Amino acid sequence: MPFFRNLPLSRKILLGIVPLFLFFISISVLIQNRFQEREMMEQAQTSADTYAEIIRESLVSMMISNQEVDSTFLDRVNAVPQFDTLKILVNNLRLREELKTPDRLARLEKKSLDQAPRDEIQKRVLAGGQPVFMREGDHFRGVIPFNATKVCQRCHAVPVGYTLGATDLSISFERVSRAATGNWQRSLIIFLIFTVLVITAATVLFTRFVSRPVYRLVGAANAISRGDLDHVIPDTGVEYRPGERAAGDEIAFLAARFGDMRQSLKEKIDQLDHANKTLLERNREVEDALARLRRAQEDLVLSERLAVTGKLTAQLSHEVNNPIHNIQSLLASAQPKVEAGSKVHELITVALEEVSRMAKLTRSMLDLYRGSTAQIEQDPVDVLGMLEEVLRMYEEPLVRHGIQIMLRPDGPLPPVRGSRDKLKQVMLNLINNARDAMPEGGSITLRAWTGDGAVWIEVADSGSGIAPEHLGRVFDAFFTTKKEVSGVGLGLSVSYGIIQQHGGTIAVRSTQGKGTVFTIKLSAVTGEIHEQRTRHS
């Protein structure tokens, strides 16, 4: 005791504080051992919840912006150093129908296989939508579900609360404990050197006024760099006004300005996303309008071309029709008066055939003009009955040419209003063209169905097809691609005019070497349905 009594006061204080400090440190170690495990569990659970929420918000943001998840994002998530293992599980995502594309469905199938639940815990979380936290040896494990919100329904056809997926992560207690022990040892050394009061005061002040605000800023910067613009920095009580000196310290001022910058950036990105969506919608509307305008312009040009051609040919046909009929009558009268089998009788027969062909040509030319100006009948026409009548007329002649013709209606059909004879003429012209395109034989298929308030008729053949450069002229008068002189190129022009008179449309598509398809659309008469009977030849 004399030795202690003779020591300076400063050393006495030091010798009195150090044992007391060591005693409290020992007590703290014992207490810490009791609560360390609980704290580690709570910290691990908080960390797991935080990272799971960040991952969920990032996935939602990517789906809203791009309607798909960036593959590199999953790689970055798996590389997070805070966790020993981190996996993202995928449940049945149920994409909305308008988002389903072959490429997206293929990626979704691969993702479902790669990220499917492997054990009972994962399956239970995906089925029940409740998180599970547990300790497995020296590791903490958390499986946190991603439950759907109203925002998720933009891409997924699921109810609110449906579990789209989950995060399965693992943290090593050994690594956390080792880091905590190292911090404790460093704090003890500093305390022994600079005394308990100085270290405690400095630590408290530094932690409260410097470390925590800086940590919040760093965490906010990391969150924003990952795309989480909804990360909010706690209010520091500082309000910035331009031209005035900021209240509080520099860190509080920096935090306030950082929060303003984050909010401004978020608003600008939201405005940009909205502008992009609006621009895409306007572009689609303009493209649709241009497509309709092009179709209307093509129909108008073709109609005007047919009208001018028809009027010109009608005038010419009218002038030559009477002389041709007179010649035809004279030849028909003279033929019986000449001895059969004589040279004169043969010449008269040839002349009569040629004059008859010319008369047929003039009638076709007159029909082209009359078809665009004359009023047609407005009677209900049984489309199936008309097609079956055409089939009966052509079945046997086509079979002799090695051509198979088939009628395949799809369900019941309503009638159309118009002229049965005119529509039959259209079908005969299309079948004649199909026959001429298949000199070696083939098949003709007649289909009929209803949809969008109209009756659709399709005539498809397996012939040689039409060259792409000729598709735009097939409905022009006097245009033909037939190698042999079997017509004058008026059949499709007359057919086009008849369909126009009925208020319908006729279109053609063709592939060389595979065949041609003509599609007719006619307005249906409501209130009456004719049952279809399928017939194959």
Protein backbone atom coordinates (compact mmCIF):
# COMPACT_ATOMS: atom_id res chain seq x y z
CA MET A 1 0.00 0.00 0.00
CA PRO A 2 2.88 2.51 0.66
CA PHE A 3 3.84 2.11 -2.98
CA PHE A 4 0.34 3.02 -4.12
CA ARG A 5 0.15 5.94 -1.68
CA ASN A 6 3.33 7.51 -3.11
CA LEU A 7 2.22 7.35 -6.74
CA PRO A 8 1.09 10.52 -8.58
CA LEU A 9 -2.61 11.18 -8.71
CA SER A 10 -2.76 10.59 -12.45
CA ARG A 11 -1.25 7.15 -12.02
CA LYS A 12 -3.57 6.40 -9.17
CA ILE A 13 -6.54 7.26 -11.36
CA LEU A 14 -5.09 5.15 -14.12
CA LEU A 15 -4.42 2.19 -11.82
CA GLY A 16 -7.90 2.55 -10.33
CA ILE A 17 -9.68 2.87 -13.69
CA VAL A 18 -7.79 0.12 -15.54
CA PRO A 19 -8.75 -2.75 -13.16
CA LEU A 20 -12.28 -1.42 -13.02
CA PHE A 21 -12.35 -1.19 -16.79
CA LEU A 22 -10.97 -4.71 -17.11
CA PHE A 23 -13.63 -5.90 -14.69
CA PHE A 24 -16.37 -4.28 -16.73
CA ILE A 25 -14.83 -5.64 -19.90
CA SER A 26 -14.97 -9.14 -18.44
CA ILE A 27 -18.59 -8.65 -17.46
CA SER A 28 -19.30 -7.27 -20.94
CA VAL A 29 -17.68 -10.28 -22.55
CA LEU A 30 -19.86 -12.62 -20.52
CA ILE A 31 -22.98 -10.64 -21.36
CA GLN A 32 -21.94 -10.35 -24.96
CA ASN A 33 -21.55 -14.09 -25.28
CA ARG A 34 -25.14 -14.49 -24.12
CA PHE A 35 -26.61 -11.95 -26.47
CA GLN A 36 -24.22 -12.30 -29.39
CA GLU A 37 -26.03 -15.21 -30.92
CA ARG A 38 -29.39 -13.45 -30.59
CA GLU A 39 -27.99 -10.27 -32.09
CA MET A 40 -26.38 -12.17 -34.93
CA MET A 41 -29.69 -13.84 -35.71
CA GLU A 42 -31.51 -10.51 -35.63
CA GLN A 43 -28.86 -8.80 -37.75
CA ALA A 44 -28.82 -11.68 -40.22
CA GLN A 45 -32.62 -11.61 -40.46
CA THR A 46 -32.65 -7.81 -40.94
CA SER A 47 -29.93 -8.03 -43.56
CA ALA A 48 -31.77 -10.83 -45.35
CA ASP A 49 -35.04 -8.85 -45.35
CA THR A 50 -33.27 -5.73 -46.63
CA TYR A 51 -31.48 -7.47 -49.49
CA ALA A 52 -34.58 -9.45 -50.44
CA GLU A 53 -36.60 -6.22 -50.64
CA ILE A 54 -33.89 -4.54 -52.73
CA ILE A 55 -33.81 -7.52 -55.12
CA ARG A 56 -37.60 -7.54 -55.38
CA GLU A 57 -37.79 -3.80 -56.13
CA SER A 58 -35.03 -4.16 -58.74
CA LEU A 59 -36.86 -7.04 -60.46
CA VAL A 60 -40.14 -5.07 -60.47
CA SER A 61 -38.39 -1.99 -61.89
CA MET A 62 -36.78 -4.03 -64.69
CA MET A 63 -40.08 -5.74 -65.57
CA ILE A 64 -41.91 -2.39 -65.70
CA SER A 65 -39.20 -0.77 -67.83
CA ASN A 66 -38.19 -3.64 -70.17
CA GLN A 67 -40.84 -6.37 -69.53
CA GLU A 68 -37.97 -8.78 -68.82
CA VAL A 69 -35.13 -9.30 -66.30
CA ASP A 70 -31.58 -8.43 -67.31
CA SER A 71 -29.54 -11.65 -67.20
CA THR A 72 -26.50 -9.79 -65.85
CA PHE A 73 -28.54 -8.68 -62.85
CA LEU A 74 -28.87 -12.28 -61.66
CA ASP A 75 -25.10 -12.72 -62.00
CA ARG A 76 -24.49 -9.59 -59.90
CA VAL A 77 -26.95 -10.79 -57.25
CA ASN A 78 -25.19 -14.17 -56.98
CA ALA A 79 -21.88 -12.34 -56.50
CA VAL A 80 -23.02 -10.29 -53.44
CA PRO A 81 -20.12 -10.70 -50.94
CA GLN A 82 -22.26 -10.30 -47.80
CA PHE A 83 -23.70 -13.79 -48.18
CA ASP A 84 -22.13 -17.22 -48.51
CA THR A 85 -24.89 -18.34 -50.87
CA LEU A 86 -27.72 -16.37 -52.49
CA LYS A 87 -30.25 -17.92 -54.85
CA ILE A 88 -33.34 -16.53 -56.54
CA LEU A 89 -36.18 -19.05 -56.85
CA VAL A 90 -38.91 -18.85 -59.50
CA ASN A 91 -42.52 -20.01 -59.11
CA ASN A 92 -45.07 -20.30 -61.97
CA LEU A 93 -44.80 -16.73 -63.32
CA ARG A 94 -47.93 -16.86 -65.53
CA LEU A 95 -47.05 -14.23 -68.13
CA ARG A 96 -49.92 -12.22 -69.60
CA GLU A 97 -51.01 -13.37 -73.07
CA GLU A 98 -49.92 -10.15 -74.85
CA LEU A 99 -46.34 -10.58 -73.54
CA LYS A 100 -45.94 -14.19 -74.65
CA THR A 101 -43.43 -14.51 -77.49
CA PRO A 102 -41.53 -17.66 -78.54
CA ASP A 103 -38.21 -16.20 -77.39
CA ARG A 104 -39.59 -14.99 -74.06
CA LEU A 105 -41.37 -18.29 -73.37
CA ALA A 106 -38.15 -20.20 -74.10
CA ARG A 107 -36.18 -18.05 -71.65
CA LEU A 108 -38.96 -18.39 -69.08
CA GLU A 109 -38.92 -22.19 -69.39
CA LYS A 110 -35.14 -22.29 -68.93
CA LYS A 111 -35.37 -19.98 -65.93
CA SER A 112 -38.10 -22.12 -64.36
CA LEU A 113 -35.87 -25.20 -64.67
CA ASP A 114 -32.68 -23.49 -63.42
CA GLN A 115 -34.34 -21.64 -60.51
CA ALA A 116 -36.96 -24.18 -59.40
CA PRO A 117 -37.30 -25.04 -55.66
CA ARG A 118 -35.01 -27.91 -54.58
CA ASP A 119 -36.01 -28.75 -51.02
CA GLU A 120 -39.12 -28.78 -48.86
CA ILE A 121 -38.41 -25.41 -47.24
CA GLN A 122 -38.22 -23.64 -50.60
CA LYS A 123 -41.38 -25.38 -51.78
CA ARG A 124 -43.20 -24.44 -48.56
CA VAL A 125 -42.28 -20.76 -48.88
CA LEU A 126 -43.38 -20.64 -52.56
CA ALA A 127 -46.64 -22.38 -51.68
CA GLY A 128 -47.52 -20.39 -48.54
CA GLY A 129 -45.93 -17.00 -49.23
CA GLN A 130 -44.48 -16.70 -45.67
CA PRO A 131 -40.73 -16.20 -44.94
CA VAL A 132 -38.70 -18.83 -43.07
CA PHE A 133 -35.59 -18.03 -40.92
CA MET A 134 -33.50 -20.72 -39.26
CA ARG A 135 -30.06 -21.68 -38.04
CA GLU A 136 -28.34 -24.58 -39.80
CA GLY A 137 -25.16 -25.39 -37.86
CA ASP A 138 -22.87 -22.33 -38.00
CA HIS A 139 -24.95 -20.72 -40.79
CA PHE A 140 -28.05 -18.54 -40.81
CA ARG A 141 -30.54 -19.30 -43.58
CA GLY A 142 -33.47 -17.16 -44.73
CA VAL A 143 -36.01 -17.90 -47.46
CA ILE A 144 -38.02 -14.71 -48.19
CA PRO A 145 -40.92 -14.79 -50.71
CA PHE A 146 -41.66 -12.22 -53.45
CA ASN A 147 -45.42 -11.70 -53.23
CA ALA A 148 -47.20 -10.02 -56.16
CA THR A 149 -48.55 -6.48 -55.92
CA LYS A 150 -50.79 -4.54 -58.30
CA VAL A 151 -47.69 -3.40 -60.18
CA CYS A 152 -46.76 -7.03 -60.88
CA GLN A 153 -50.11 -7.58 -62.62
CA ARG A 154 -48.88 -5.52 -65.55
CA CYS A 155 -46.76 -8.46 -66.68
CA HIS A 156 -48.17 -11.47 -64.75
CA ALA A 157 -51.70 -12.83 -64.79
CA VAL A 158 -51.73 -13.50 -61.03
CA PRO A 159 -53.76 -12.17 -58.07
CA VAL A 160 -52.30 -9.77 -55.52
CA GLY A 161 -50.38 -11.74 -52.89
CA TYR A 162 -49.47 -14.58 -55.23
CA THR A 163 -45.88 -15.77 -54.64
CA LEU A 164 -43.88 -15.16 -57.84
CA GLY A 165 -40.57 -16.30 -56.38
CA ALA A 166 -38.27 -16.11 -53.39
CA THR A 167 -34.74 -15.34 -52.23
CA ASP A 168 -32.79 -18.13 -50.47
CA LEU A 169 -29.66 -16.77 -48.77
CA SER A 170 -27.12 -18.04 -46.23
CA ILE A 171 -24.75 -16.14 -43.90
CA SER A 172 -21.86 -17.68 -41.96
CA PHE A 173 -21.95 -16.93 -38.20
CA GLU A 174 -18.27 -17.74 -38.02
CA ARG A 175 -17.37 -14.89 -40.33
CA VAL A 176 -19.62 -12.46 -38.43
CA SER A 177 -18.24 -13.61 -35.07
CA ARG A 178 -14.65 -13.31 -36.28
CA ALA A 179 -15.24 -9.77 -37.48
CA ALA A 180 -16.93 -8.81 -34.18
CA THR A 181 -14.04 -10.25 -32.16
CA GLY A 182 -11.52 -8.26 -34.17
CA ASN A 183 -13.43 -5.02 -33.59
CA TRP A 184 -13.62 -5.76 -29.88
CA GLN A 185 -9.90 -6.32 -29.56
CA ARG A 186 -9.10 -3.11 -31.41
CA SER A 187 -11.49 -1.15 -29.18
CA LEU A 188 -9.84 -2.62 -26.05
CA ILE A 189 -6.34 -1.61 -27.19
CA ILE A 190 -7.48 1.92 -27.96
CA PHE A 191 -9.23 2.17 -24.60
CA LEU A 192 -6.11 1.09 -22.69
CA ILE A 193 -4.05 3.76 -24.48
CA PHE A 194 -6.32 6.76 -24.41
CA THR A 195 -8.51 5.95 -21.35
CA VAL A 196 -12.08 4.89 -21.13
CA LEU A 197 -13.69 8.32 -21.01
CA VAL A 198 -11.85 9.76 -24.02
CA ILE A 199 -12.43 6.72 -26.18
CA THR A 200 -16.08 6.41 -25.14
CA ALA A 201 -16.82 10.09 -25.70
CA ALA A 202 -15.00 10.18 -29.02
CA THR A 203 -16.65 6.99 -30.19
CA VAL A 204 -20.13 8.17 -29.24
CA LEU A 205 -19.68 11.58 -30.83
CA PHE A 206 -18.03 10.22 -33.93
CA THR A 207 -20.59 7.46 -34.39
CA ARG A 208 -23.55 9.75 -33.86
CA PHE A 209 -22.49 12.76 -35.87
CA VAL A 210 -20.15 11.34 -38.51
CA SER A 211 -20.19 7.57 -38.96
CA ARG A 212 -23.93 7.02 -39.08
CA PRO A 213 -24.73 9.88 -41.47
CA VAL A 214 -21.87 8.87 -43.77
CA TYR A 215 -22.97 5.24 -43.65
CA ARG A 216 -26.49 6.29 -44.59
CA LEU A 217 -25.13 8.30 -47.51
CA VAL A 218 -22.96 5.41 -48.70
CA GLY A 219 -25.88 2.99 -48.41
CA ALA A 220 -28.11 5.39 -50.36
CA ALA A 221 -25.46 5.81 -53.06
CA ASN A 222 -25.11 2.02 -53.40
CA ALA A 223 -28.89 1.59 -53.58
CA ILE A 224 -29.23 4.28 -56.28
CA SER A 225 -26.32 2.78 -58.24
CA ARG A 226 -28.27 -0.50 -58.28
CA GLY A 227 -31.32 1.34 -59.68
CA ASP A 228 -33.30 1.67 -56.42
CA LEU A 229 -34.42 5.28 -56.80
CA ASP A 230 -37.07 4.80 -54.08
CA HIS A 231 -34.41 4.47 -51.37
CA VAL A 232 -35.13 7.29 -48.89
CA ILE A 233 -32.43 8.98 -46.80
CA PRO A 234 -33.62 9.67 -43.20
CA ASP A 235 -34.56 13.31 -42.60
CA THR A 236 -31.68 15.30 -41.12
CA GLY A 237 -33.79 18.37 -40.38
CA VAL A 238 -31.84 20.51 -42.85
CA GLU A 239 -33.72 22.52 -45.49
CA TYR A 240 -31.67 24.03 -48.32
CA ARG A 241 -32.55 27.48 -49.67
CA PRO A 242 -30.49 28.94 -52.55
CA GLY A 243 -28.55 32.03 -51.52
CA GLU A 244 -28.69 31.26 -47.81
CA ARG A 245 -26.13 29.66 -45.53
CA ALA A 246 -27.13 26.05 -44.77
CA ALA A 247 -28.08 25.16 -41.19
CA GLY A 248 -26.41 22.19 -39.49
CA ASP A 249 -23.09 20.62 -40.37
CA GLU A 250 -21.72 19.73 -43.80
CA ILE A 251 -22.80 16.08 -43.63
CA ALA A 252 -26.41 17.00 -42.86
CA PHE A 253 -26.40 19.54 -45.69
CA LEU A 254 -24.88 16.97 -48.07
CA ALA A 255 -27.53 14.41 -47.08
CA ALA A 256 -30.32 16.92 -47.75
CA ARG A 257 -28.93 17.85 -51.16
CA PHE A 258 -28.36 14.16 -51.97
CA GLY A 259 -32.01 13.41 -51.20
CA ASP A 260 -33.15 16.28 -53.43
CA MET A 261 -30.95 14.99 -56.23
CA ARG A 262 -32.35 11.46 -55.87
CA GLN A 263 -35.94 12.72 -56.02
CA SER A 264 -35.23 14.92 -59.02
CA LEU A 265 -33.52 12.04 -60.84
CA LYS A 266 -36.45 9.73 -60.10
CA GLU A 267 -38.95 12.27 -61.44
CA LYS A 268 -36.92 12.81 -64.62
CA ILE A 269 -36.66 9.05 -65.24
CA ASP A 270 -40.40 8.62 -64.65
CA GLN A 271 -41.12 11.45 -67.08
CA LEU A 272 -38.79 9.90 -69.65
CA ASP A 273 -40.45 6.48 -69.28
CA HIS A 274 -43.88 8.05 -69.70
CA ALA A 275 -42.72 10.00 -72.77
CA ASN A 276 -41.24 6.84 -74.31
CA LYS A 277 -44.47 4.90 -73.79
CA THR A 278 -46.53 7.74 -75.25
CA LEU A 279 -44.21 7.96 -78.26
CA LEU A 280 -44.45 4.21 -78.89
CA GLU A 281 -48.25 4.38 -78.79
CA ARG A 282 -48.29 7.32 -81.21
CA ASN A 283 -45.91 5.49 -83.56
CA ARG A 284 -48.17 2.45 -83.61
CA GLU A 285 -51.20 4.62 -84.34
CA VAL A 286 -49.38 6.39 -87.20
CA GLU A 287 -48.21 3.06 -88.68
CA ASP A 288 -51.76 1.67 -88.59
CA ALA A 289 -53.14 4.82 -90.20
CA LEU A 290 -50.50 4.73 -92.94
CA ALA A 291 -51.24 1.06 -93.63
CA ARG A 292 -54.97 1.79 -93.96
CA LEU A 293 -54.21 4.77 -96.18
CA ARG A 294 -51.99 2.68 -98.46
CA ARG A 295 -54.66 0.01 -98.81
CA ALA A 296 -57.34 2.60 -99.55
CA GLN A 297 -55.08 4.30 -102.09
CA GLU A 298 -54.33 1.00 -103.86
CA ASP A 299 -58.04 0.17 -104.04
CA LEU A 300 -58.85 3.65 -105.35
CA VAL A 301 -56.17 3.52 -108.05
CA LEU A 302 -57.27 0.05 -109.16
CA SER A 303 -60.95 1.07 -109.24
CA GLU A 304 -60.21 4.17 -111.32
CA ARG A 305 -58.02 2.16 -113.68
CA LEU A 306 -60.75 -0.43 -114.19
CA ALA A 307 -63.40 2.26 -114.70
CA VAL A 308 -61.40 4.05 -117.40
CA THR A 309 -60.49 0.79 -119.13
CA GLY A 310 -64.08 -0.46 -118.95
CA LYS A 311 -65.54 2.71 -120.42
CA LEU A 312 -63.08 2.71 -123.31
CA THR A 313 -63.57 -0.97 -124.10
CA ALA A 314 -67.36 -0.64 -123.82
CA GLN A 315 -67.43 2.10 -126.45
CA LEU A 316 -65.25 0.05 -128.77
CA SER A 317 -67.24 -3.13 -128.16
CA HIS A 318 -70.54 -1.37 -128.84
CA GLU A 319 -69.31 -0.21 -132.25
CA VAL A 320 -68.12 -3.65 -133.39
CA ASN A 321 -70.75 -5.77 -131.67
CA ASN A 322 -73.54 -5.24 -134.27
CA PRO A 323 -71.38 -6.07 -137.33
CA ILE A 324 -70.07 -9.16 -135.58
CA HIS A 325 -73.59 -10.38 -134.79
CA ASN A 326 -74.65 -9.79 -138.42
CA ILE A 327 -71.68 -11.77 -139.72
CA GLN A 328 -72.36 -14.52 -137.19
CA SER A 329 -76.02 -14.74 -138.30
CA LEU A 330 -75.10 -14.85 -142.00
CA LEU A 331 -72.51 -17.58 -141.46
CA ALA A 332 -74.93 -19.60 -139.34
CA SER A 333 -77.57 -19.31 -142.08
CA ALA A 334 -75.13 -20.23 -144.87
CA GLN A 335 -73.58 -23.25 -143.14
CA PRO A 336 -76.55 -25.65 -143.55
CA LYS A 337 -76.92 -24.71 -147.23
CA VAL A 338 -73.40 -25.87 -148.10
CA GLU A 339 -72.61 -29.52 -148.62
CA ALA A 340 -71.21 -31.06 -145.45
CA GLY A 341 -67.60 -32.13 -145.74
CA SER A 342 -66.81 -29.75 -148.60
CA LYS A 343 -63.98 -27.24 -148.46
CA VAL A 344 -66.47 -24.36 -148.39
CA HIS A 345 -68.36 -25.91 -145.45
CA GLU A 346 -65.07 -26.31 -143.56
CA LEU A 347 -64.10 -22.66 -144.18
CA ILE A 348 -67.54 -21.42 -143.12
CA THR A 349 -67.26 -23.51 -139.90
CA VAL A 350 -63.84 -22.03 -139.07
CA ALA A 351 -65.10 -18.50 -139.82
CA LEU A 352 -68.17 -19.06 -137.64
CA GLU A 353 -66.01 -20.25 -134.71
CA GLU A 354 -63.74 -17.20 -134.97
CA VAL A 355 -66.68 -14.80 -135.21
CA SER A 356 -68.25 -16.50 -132.16
CA ARG A 357 -65.00 -16.02 -130.26
CA MET A 358 -65.00 -12.33 -131.20
CA ALA A 359 -68.62 -12.02 -130.06
CA LYS A 360 -67.68 -13.61 -126.73
CA LEU A 361 -64.81 -11.12 -126.40
CA THR A 362 -67.08 -8.12 -127.04
CA ARG A 363 -69.58 -9.44 -124.47
CA SER A 364 -66.78 -9.75 -121.89
CA MET A 365 -65.67 -6.21 -122.63
CA LEU A 366 -69.23 -4.93 -122.21
CA ASP A 367 -69.60 -6.93 -118.95
CA LEU A 368 -66.45 -5.25 -117.60
CA TYR A 369 -68.07 -1.82 -118.02
CA ARG A 370 -71.62 -2.80 -117.07
CA GLY A 371 -70.34 -4.60 -113.96
CA SER A 372 -68.93 -1.32 -112.56
CA THR A 373 -72.06 0.79 -113.29
CA ALA A 374 -75.10 -1.49 -113.21
CA GLN A 375 -77.07 -2.08 -110.04
CA ILE A 376 -76.98 -5.65 -108.76
CA GLU A 377 -79.69 -7.67 -107.07
CA GLN A 378 -79.89 -7.46 -103.29
CA ASP A 379 -81.27 -10.93 -102.49
CA PRO A 380 -79.97 -13.20 -99.71
CA VAL A 381 -77.52 -15.69 -101.22
CA ASP A 382 -76.79 -19.07 -99.66
CA VAL A 383 -73.00 -19.18 -99.99
CA LEU A 384 -72.74 -22.90 -99.34
CA GLY A 385 -75.48 -23.73 -101.88
CA MET A 386 -73.77 -21.54 -104.50
CA LEU A 387 -70.38 -23.23 -103.87
CA GLU A 388 -71.90 -26.70 -104.05
CA GLU A 389 -73.54 -25.81 -107.37
CA VAL A 390 -70.20 -24.63 -108.76
CA LEU A 391 -68.60 -27.83 -107.47
CA ARG A 392 -71.17 -30.01 -109.27
CA MET A 393 -70.60 -28.10 -112.52
CA TYR A 394 -66.80 -28.40 -112.46
CA GLU A 395 -66.15 -31.65 -110.64
CA GLU A 396 -66.23 -34.01 -113.61
CA PRO A 397 -64.34 -31.77 -116.13
CA LEU A 398 -61.62 -31.08 -113.55
CA VAL A 399 -61.21 -34.76 -112.75
CA ARG A 400 -60.63 -35.42 -116.47
CA HIS A 401 -57.78 -32.90 -116.29
CA GLY A 402 -56.26 -34.68 -113.28
CA ILE A 403 -57.41 -31.97 -110.83
CA GLN A 404 -59.07 -32.74 -107.48
CA ILE A 405 -61.49 -30.09 -106.15
CA MET A 406 -62.57 -30.02 -102.49
CA LEU A 407 -65.13 -27.98 -100.54
CA ARG A 408 -64.29 -27.43 -96.85
CA PRO A 409 -66.68 -25.08 -95.01
CA ASP A 410 -65.92 -24.27 -91.37
CA GLY A 411 -69.15 -24.39 -89.40
CA PRO A 412 -72.48 -22.64 -90.05
CA LEU A 413 -72.55 -19.57 -92.33
CA PRO A 414 -74.98 -16.63 -92.60
CA PRO A 415 -76.14 -15.62 -96.08
CA VAL A 416 -74.80 -12.62 -97.98
CA ARG A 417 -76.84 -10.05 -99.90
CA GLY A 418 -76.30 -9.73 -103.65
CA SER A 419 -76.59 -11.58 -106.95
CA ARG A 420 -76.18 -15.34 -106.88
CA ASP A 421 -75.34 -15.44 -110.62
CA LYS A 422 -72.70 -12.70 -110.30
CA LEU A 423 -71.01 -14.42 -107.35
CA LYS A 424 -71.14 -17.73 -109.23
CA GLN A 425 -69.40 -16.01 -112.16
CA VAL A 426 -66.62 -14.87 -109.82
CA MET A 427 -66.11 -18.42 -108.56
CA LEU A 428 -66.07 -19.81 -112.12
CA ASN A 429 -63.44 -17.26 -113.16
CA LEU A 430 -61.22 -18.14 -110.18
CA ILE A 431 -61.57 -21.89 -110.79
CA ASN A 432 -60.79 -21.42 -114.50
CA ASN A 433 -57.61 -19.53 -113.60
CA ALA A 434 -56.64 -22.25 -111.12
CA ARG A 435 -57.22 -24.94 -113.76
CA ASP A 436 -55.08 -23.11 -116.35
CA ALA A 437 -52.26 -22.82 -113.76
CA MET A 438 -52.15 -26.64 -113.35
CA PRO A 439 -51.76 -28.22 -116.82
CA GLU A 440 -50.20 -31.31 -115.22
CA GLY A 441 -52.96 -31.68 -112.63
CA GLY A 442 -53.17 -30.71 -108.96
CA SER A 443 -55.79 -29.71 -106.39
CA ILE A 444 -58.23 -26.85 -105.78
CA THR A 445 -59.59 -26.21 -102.27
CA LEU A 446 -62.68 -24.07 -101.58
CA ARG A 447 -63.01 -22.86 -97.98
CA ALA A 448 -65.75 -20.75 -96.40
CA TRP A 449 -66.06 -19.40 -92.86
CA THR A 450 -67.53 -16.49 -90.92
CA GLY A 451 -65.82 -13.89 -88.75
CA ASP A 452 -65.90 -10.15 -87.93
CA GLY A 453 -69.45 -9.85 -89.27
CA ALA A 454 -68.47 -11.16 -92.71
CA VAL A 455 -68.40 -14.34 -94.79
CA TRP A 456 -64.97 -15.31 -96.11
CA ILE A 457 -64.41 -17.47 -99.22
CA GLU A 458 -60.99 -18.82 -100.14
CA VAL A 459 -59.96 -20.44 -103.45
CA ALA A 460 -56.53 -22.10 -103.19
CA ASP A 461 -54.70 -24.08 -105.87
CA SER A 462 -51.42 -25.99 -106.02
CA GLY A 463 -50.38 -24.52 -109.35
CA SER A 464 -47.29 -22.69 -110.55
CA GLY A 465 -48.07 -19.47 -108.66
CA ILE A 466 -47.71 -15.83 -109.69
CA ALA A 467 -44.43 -13.93 -109.91
CA PRO A 468 -44.09 -11.19 -107.24
CA GLU A 469 -43.75 -8.48 -109.91
CA HIS A 470 -47.13 -9.52 -111.40
CA LEU A 471 -49.18 -9.64 -108.18
CA GLY A 472 -50.00 -5.93 -108.33
CA ARG A 473 -51.47 -6.22 -111.86
CA VAL A 474 -53.55 -9.41 -111.75
CA PHE A 475 -56.80 -7.40 -111.52
CA ASP A 476 -55.90 -5.10 -114.45
CA ALA A 477 -57.98 -5.49 -117.61
CA PHE A 478 -56.29 -7.40 -120.48
CA PHE A 479 -53.40 -8.46 -118.25
CA THR A 480 -52.55 -12.17 -118.48
CA THR A 481 -49.52 -14.38 -117.87
CA LYS A 482 -50.87 -17.45 -119.65
CA LYS A 483 -48.50 -18.85 -122.23
CA GLU A 484 -51.32 -20.12 -124.49
CA VAL A 485 -54.00 -17.81 -125.87
CA SER A 486 -56.96 -19.01 -123.82
CA GLY A 487 -58.42 -15.63 -122.85
CA VAL A 488 -57.94 -11.88 -123.01
CA GLY A 489 -57.23 -11.13 -119.36
CA LEU A 490 -60.69 -9.88 -118.33
CA GLY A 491 -61.82 -12.62 -115.93
CA LEU A 492 -60.14 -11.24 -112.78
CA SER A 493 -61.02 -7.65 -113.73
CA VAL A 494 -64.70 -8.58 -114.03
CA SER A 495 -64.48 -10.53 -110.75
CA TYR A 496 -62.93 -7.56 -108.97
CA GLY A 497 -65.73 -5.30 -110.21
CA ILE A 498 -68.44 -7.74 -109.09
CA ILE A 499 -66.98 -8.02 -105.58
CA GLN A 500 -66.73 -4.21 -105.38
CA GLN A 501 -70.42 -3.98 -106.35
CA HIS A 502 -71.22 -6.28 -103.43
CA GLY A 503 -69.32 -4.01 -101.03
CA GLY A 504 -66.66 -6.65 -100.44
CA THR A 505 -62.96 -7.13 -101.03
CA ILE A 506 -60.84 -9.62 -102.95
CA ALA A 507 -57.14 -10.19 -102.27
CA VAL A 508 -54.48 -12.51 -103.64
CA ARG A 509 -51.31 -14.03 -102.25
CA SER A 510 -49.04 -16.42 -104.11
CA THR A 511 -45.76 -18.31 -103.89
CA GLN A 512 -44.11 -19.36 -107.11
CA GLY A 513 -43.99 -23.13 -107.44
CA LYS A 514 -46.44 -23.67 -104.54
CA GLY A 515 -49.73 -22.12 -105.63
CA THR A 516 -52.07 -19.15 -105.36
CA VAL A 517 -54.81 -18.20 -102.88
CA PHE A 518 -57.66 -15.75 -103.60
CA THR A 519 -59.58 -14.54 -100.52
CA ILE A 520 -63.03 -12.88 -100.80
CA LYS A 521 -64.73 -10.98 -97.95
CA LEU A 522 -68.51 -10.25 -98.14
CA SER A 523 -70.74 -8.63 -95.52
CA ALA A 524 -72.99 -11.17 -93.78
CA VAL A 525 -76.77 -10.87 -93.39
CA THR A 526 -77.57 -11.15 -89.68
CA GLY A 527 -80.43 -13.19 -88.29
CA GLU A 528 -80.06 -16.29 -90.48
CA ILE A 529 -77.54 -19.13 -90.45
CA HIS A 530 -77.14 -21.90 -93.03
CA GLU A 531 -75.68 -25.16 -91.74
CA GLN A 532 -72.62 -26.28 -93.67
CA ARG A 533 -72.10 -29.79 -95.00
CA THR A 534 -68.49 -30.73 -95.70
CA ARG A 535 -67.91 -32.41 -99.04
CA HIS A 536 -64.67 -33.86 -100.40
CA SER A 537 -64.03 -34.84 -104.01
